[in-house]
Amino acid sequence: MTAEEFEEFYAHAVRRLTGQLYVMLGDLQEAQDVVQEAFVKAWSRRGRLVKEASPEAWIRTVAWRLAVRRWHGRRRSELAWQRHGGAPPEGAPDPGSVVLVEALKGLSPQQRRTVALHYICDLSVEQIAVETGLSTGTVKTHLSRGRAALADRLQDPRTQEAHGD
């Protein structure tokens, strides 16, 4: 992929990938950061990206792995703060949180990723299995459990009132 082709690919894919990672991660700034970092990594291997099955899937996978590494780093940091008297106070939660993203945060990271890949990225069960390294049966299980959990979290209170729940 030439520099011009990469720039065109970036222009067409960055918003879509950021949106997909936002749904997976529940944090827009984090999604923007890991997508940008994944594109930086892709730039250095742009000559080989054409040969990849899907450059967009490669970047999405790299961005996900970067996010997971960051989670592990934050967890270690939190444990260190706990051992040494607690972390500094955090600011108020972001008022712009979307209901769906909040509901997705209640899922396990793997369920959240699987649901996002299926419903946001429009990948088939088989494509998700290839991208995540999970078996198709495991992907189906994550989708089923994720849908059930989201159904509970995303019930419309107006419908519940109408049914007398």
Protein backbone atom coordinates (compact mmCIF):
# COMPACT_ATOMS: atom_id res chain seq x y z
CA MET A 1 0.00 0.00 0.00
CA THR A 2 1.50 3.32 -1.03
CA ALA A 3 1.49 6.37 1.23
CA GLU A 4 -1.37 7.86 -0.80
CA GLU A 5 -3.41 4.63 -0.58
CA PHE A 6 -2.80 4.49 3.16
CA GLU A 7 -3.94 8.09 3.60
CA GLU A 8 -7.11 7.33 1.63
CA PHE A 9 -7.70 4.16 3.67
CA TYR A 10 -7.18 6.15 6.89
CA ALA A 11 -9.63 8.87 5.78
CA HIS A 12 -12.32 6.28 4.99
CA ALA A 13 -11.80 3.99 8.00
CA VAL A 14 -10.75 6.07 11.02
CA ARG A 15 -14.22 7.30 12.04
CA ARG A 16 -15.80 3.89 11.56
CA LEU A 17 -13.06 2.15 13.56
CA THR A 18 -13.19 4.76 16.31
CA GLY A 19 -16.95 4.30 16.58
CA GLN A 20 -16.59 0.54 16.72
CA LEU A 21 -13.90 0.69 19.41
CA TYR A 22 -15.95 3.25 21.34
CA VAL A 23 -18.81 0.77 21.56
CA MET A 24 -16.41 -2.01 22.56
CA LEU A 25 -14.58 0.06 25.17
CA GLY A 26 -17.21 2.50 26.41
CA ASP A 27 -14.72 5.37 26.41
CA LEU A 28 -14.45 7.66 23.38
CA GLN A 29 -11.05 9.11 24.27
CA GLU A 30 -9.61 5.64 24.83
CA ALA A 31 -11.08 4.48 21.51
CA GLN A 32 -9.54 7.45 19.71
CA ASP A 33 -6.16 6.80 21.33
CA VAL A 34 -5.95 3.08 20.54
CA VAL A 35 -7.22 3.53 16.97
CA GLN A 36 -4.60 6.22 16.33
CA GLU A 37 -1.89 4.04 17.85
CA ALA A 38 -3.02 1.10 15.71
CA PHE A 39 -2.81 3.27 12.58
CA VAL A 40 0.71 4.32 13.57
CA LYS A 41 1.66 0.64 13.79
CA ALA A 42 -0.05 -0.01 10.45
CA TRP A 43 1.90 2.82 8.79
CA SER A 44 5.18 1.02 9.40
CA ARG A 45 3.82 -2.14 7.79
CA ARG A 46 1.69 -0.52 5.09
CA GLY A 47 3.62 -2.36 2.38
CA ARG A 48 2.24 -5.64 3.76
CA LEU A 49 -1.28 -4.44 4.59
CA VAL A 50 -2.58 -5.15 1.09
CA LYS A 51 -1.72 -8.81 1.65
CA GLU A 52 -3.70 -8.93 4.91
CA ALA A 53 -7.19 -10.41 4.65
CA SER A 54 -8.60 -7.05 5.73
CA PRO A 55 -6.52 -4.04 6.77
CA GLU A 56 -9.47 -2.70 8.74
CA ALA A 57 -9.80 -5.94 10.70
CA TRP A 58 -6.05 -5.88 11.38
CA ILE A 59 -6.25 -2.34 12.77
CA ARG A 60 -9.36 -3.15 14.82
CA THR A 61 -7.60 -6.19 16.33
CA VAL A 62 -4.44 -4.21 17.10
CA ALA A 63 -6.50 -1.42 18.68
CA TRP A 64 -8.37 -3.95 20.84
CA ARG A 65 -5.12 -5.54 22.01
CA LEU A 66 -3.70 -2.11 22.85
CA ALA A 67 -6.80 -1.36 24.92
CA VAL A 68 -6.48 -4.66 26.78
CA ARG A 69 -2.83 -3.90 27.59
CA ARG A 70 -3.87 -0.50 28.90
CA TRP A 71 -6.54 -2.09 31.11
CA HIS A 72 -3.95 -4.41 32.60
CA GLY A 73 -1.62 -1.47 33.22
CA ARG A 74 -4.39 0.54 34.89
CA ARG A 75 -5.31 -2.44 37.05
CA ARG A 76 -1.73 -2.79 38.23
CA SER A 77 -1.67 0.94 38.93
CA GLU A 78 -4.91 0.74 40.93
CA LEU A 79 -3.50 -2.11 43.01
CA ALA A 80 -0.37 -0.09 43.70
CA TRP A 81 -2.47 2.92 44.77
CA GLN A 82 -4.50 0.70 47.09
CA ARG A 83 -1.32 -0.61 48.72
CA HIS A 84 -0.06 2.94 49.25
CA GLY A 85 -3.08 4.80 50.57
CA GLY A 86 -5.52 5.12 47.70
CA ALA A 87 -5.74 6.92 44.39
CA PRO A 88 -6.32 10.63 44.03
CA PRO A 89 -10.02 11.59 43.76
CA GLU A 90 -11.57 11.24 40.31
CA GLY A 91 -13.73 13.82 38.57
CA ALA A 92 -17.44 13.49 37.95
CA PRO A 93 -18.60 10.92 35.40
CA ASP A 94 -18.98 12.07 31.81
CA PRO A 95 -22.56 13.36 31.43
CA GLY A 96 -22.54 12.52 27.71
CA SER A 97 -22.54 8.77 28.26
CA VAL A 98 -24.87 6.92 25.95
CA VAL A 99 -27.34 4.42 27.39
CA LEU A 100 -26.15 1.64 25.08
CA VAL A 101 -22.50 2.18 25.93
CA GLU A 102 -23.37 2.17 29.63
CA ALA A 103 -25.29 -1.07 29.17
CA LEU A 104 -22.40 -2.59 27.22
CA LYS A 105 -20.03 -1.71 30.06
CA GLY A 106 -21.97 -4.19 32.19
CA LEU A 107 -20.93 -7.05 29.92
CA SER A 108 -17.65 -8.91 30.22
CA PRO A 109 -14.97 -7.48 27.91
CA GLN A 110 -15.17 -10.50 25.61
CA GLN A 111 -18.98 -10.37 25.40
CA ARG A 112 -18.83 -6.61 24.73
CA ARG A 113 -16.27 -7.12 21.98
CA THR A 114 -18.22 -9.98 20.40
CA VAL A 115 -21.53 -8.08 20.49
CA ALA A 116 -19.88 -4.97 19.01
CA LEU A 117 -18.16 -6.94 16.25
CA HIS A 118 -21.44 -8.62 15.33
CA TYR A 119 -23.89 -5.71 15.60
CA ILE A 120 -21.72 -2.65 15.05
CA CYS A 121 -19.08 -4.02 12.67
CA ASP A 122 -21.61 -6.37 11.01
CA LEU A 123 -19.26 -9.36 11.14
CA SER A 124 -20.55 -12.92 10.87
CA VAL A 125 -19.97 -15.47 13.63
CA GLU A 126 -17.23 -17.05 11.51
CA GLN A 127 -15.51 -13.69 10.90
CA ILE A 128 -15.62 -12.90 14.63
CA ALA A 129 -14.10 -16.31 15.39
CA VAL A 130 -11.22 -15.61 13.00
CA GLU A 131 -10.63 -12.08 14.34
CA THR A 132 -10.80 -13.03 18.02
CA GLY A 133 -9.31 -16.51 17.92
CA LEU A 134 -12.41 -17.97 19.59
CA SER A 135 -14.35 -21.00 18.37
CA THR A 136 -17.64 -20.33 16.59
CA GLY A 137 -19.46 -22.03 19.48
CA THR A 138 -17.85 -19.66 21.98
CA VAL A 139 -18.73 -16.67 19.79
CA LYS A 140 -22.37 -17.84 19.67
CA THR A 141 -22.39 -18.27 23.45
CA HIS A 142 -20.98 -14.75 23.98
CA LEU A 143 -23.58 -13.31 21.59
CA SER A 144 -26.46 -15.15 23.25
CA ARG A 145 -25.43 -14.20 26.79
CA GLY A 146 -24.61 -10.66 25.73
CA ARG A 147 -28.03 -10.21 24.08
CA ALA A 148 -29.78 -11.57 27.18
CA ALA A 149 -27.85 -9.24 29.49
CA LEU A 150 -28.49 -6.24 27.24
CA ALA A 151 -32.20 -7.04 27.02
CA ASP A 152 -32.39 -6.77 30.81
CA ARG A 153 -30.37 -3.53 30.90
CA LEU A 154 -32.06 -1.80 27.97
CA GLN A 155 -35.70 -2.29 28.85
CA ASP A 156 -37.74 0.82 28.23
CA PRO A 157 -39.25 1.96 31.56
CA ARG A 158 -42.34 3.24 29.69
CA THR A 159 -43.02 -0.30 28.41
CA GLN A 160 -42.59 -1.74 31.89
CA GLU A 161 -45.10 0.79 33.29
CA ALA A 162 -47.59 -0.01 30.53
CA HIS A 163 -47.39 -3.73 31.38
CA GLY A 164 -47.62 -3.05 35.11
CA ASP A 165 -44.15 -4.48 35.88
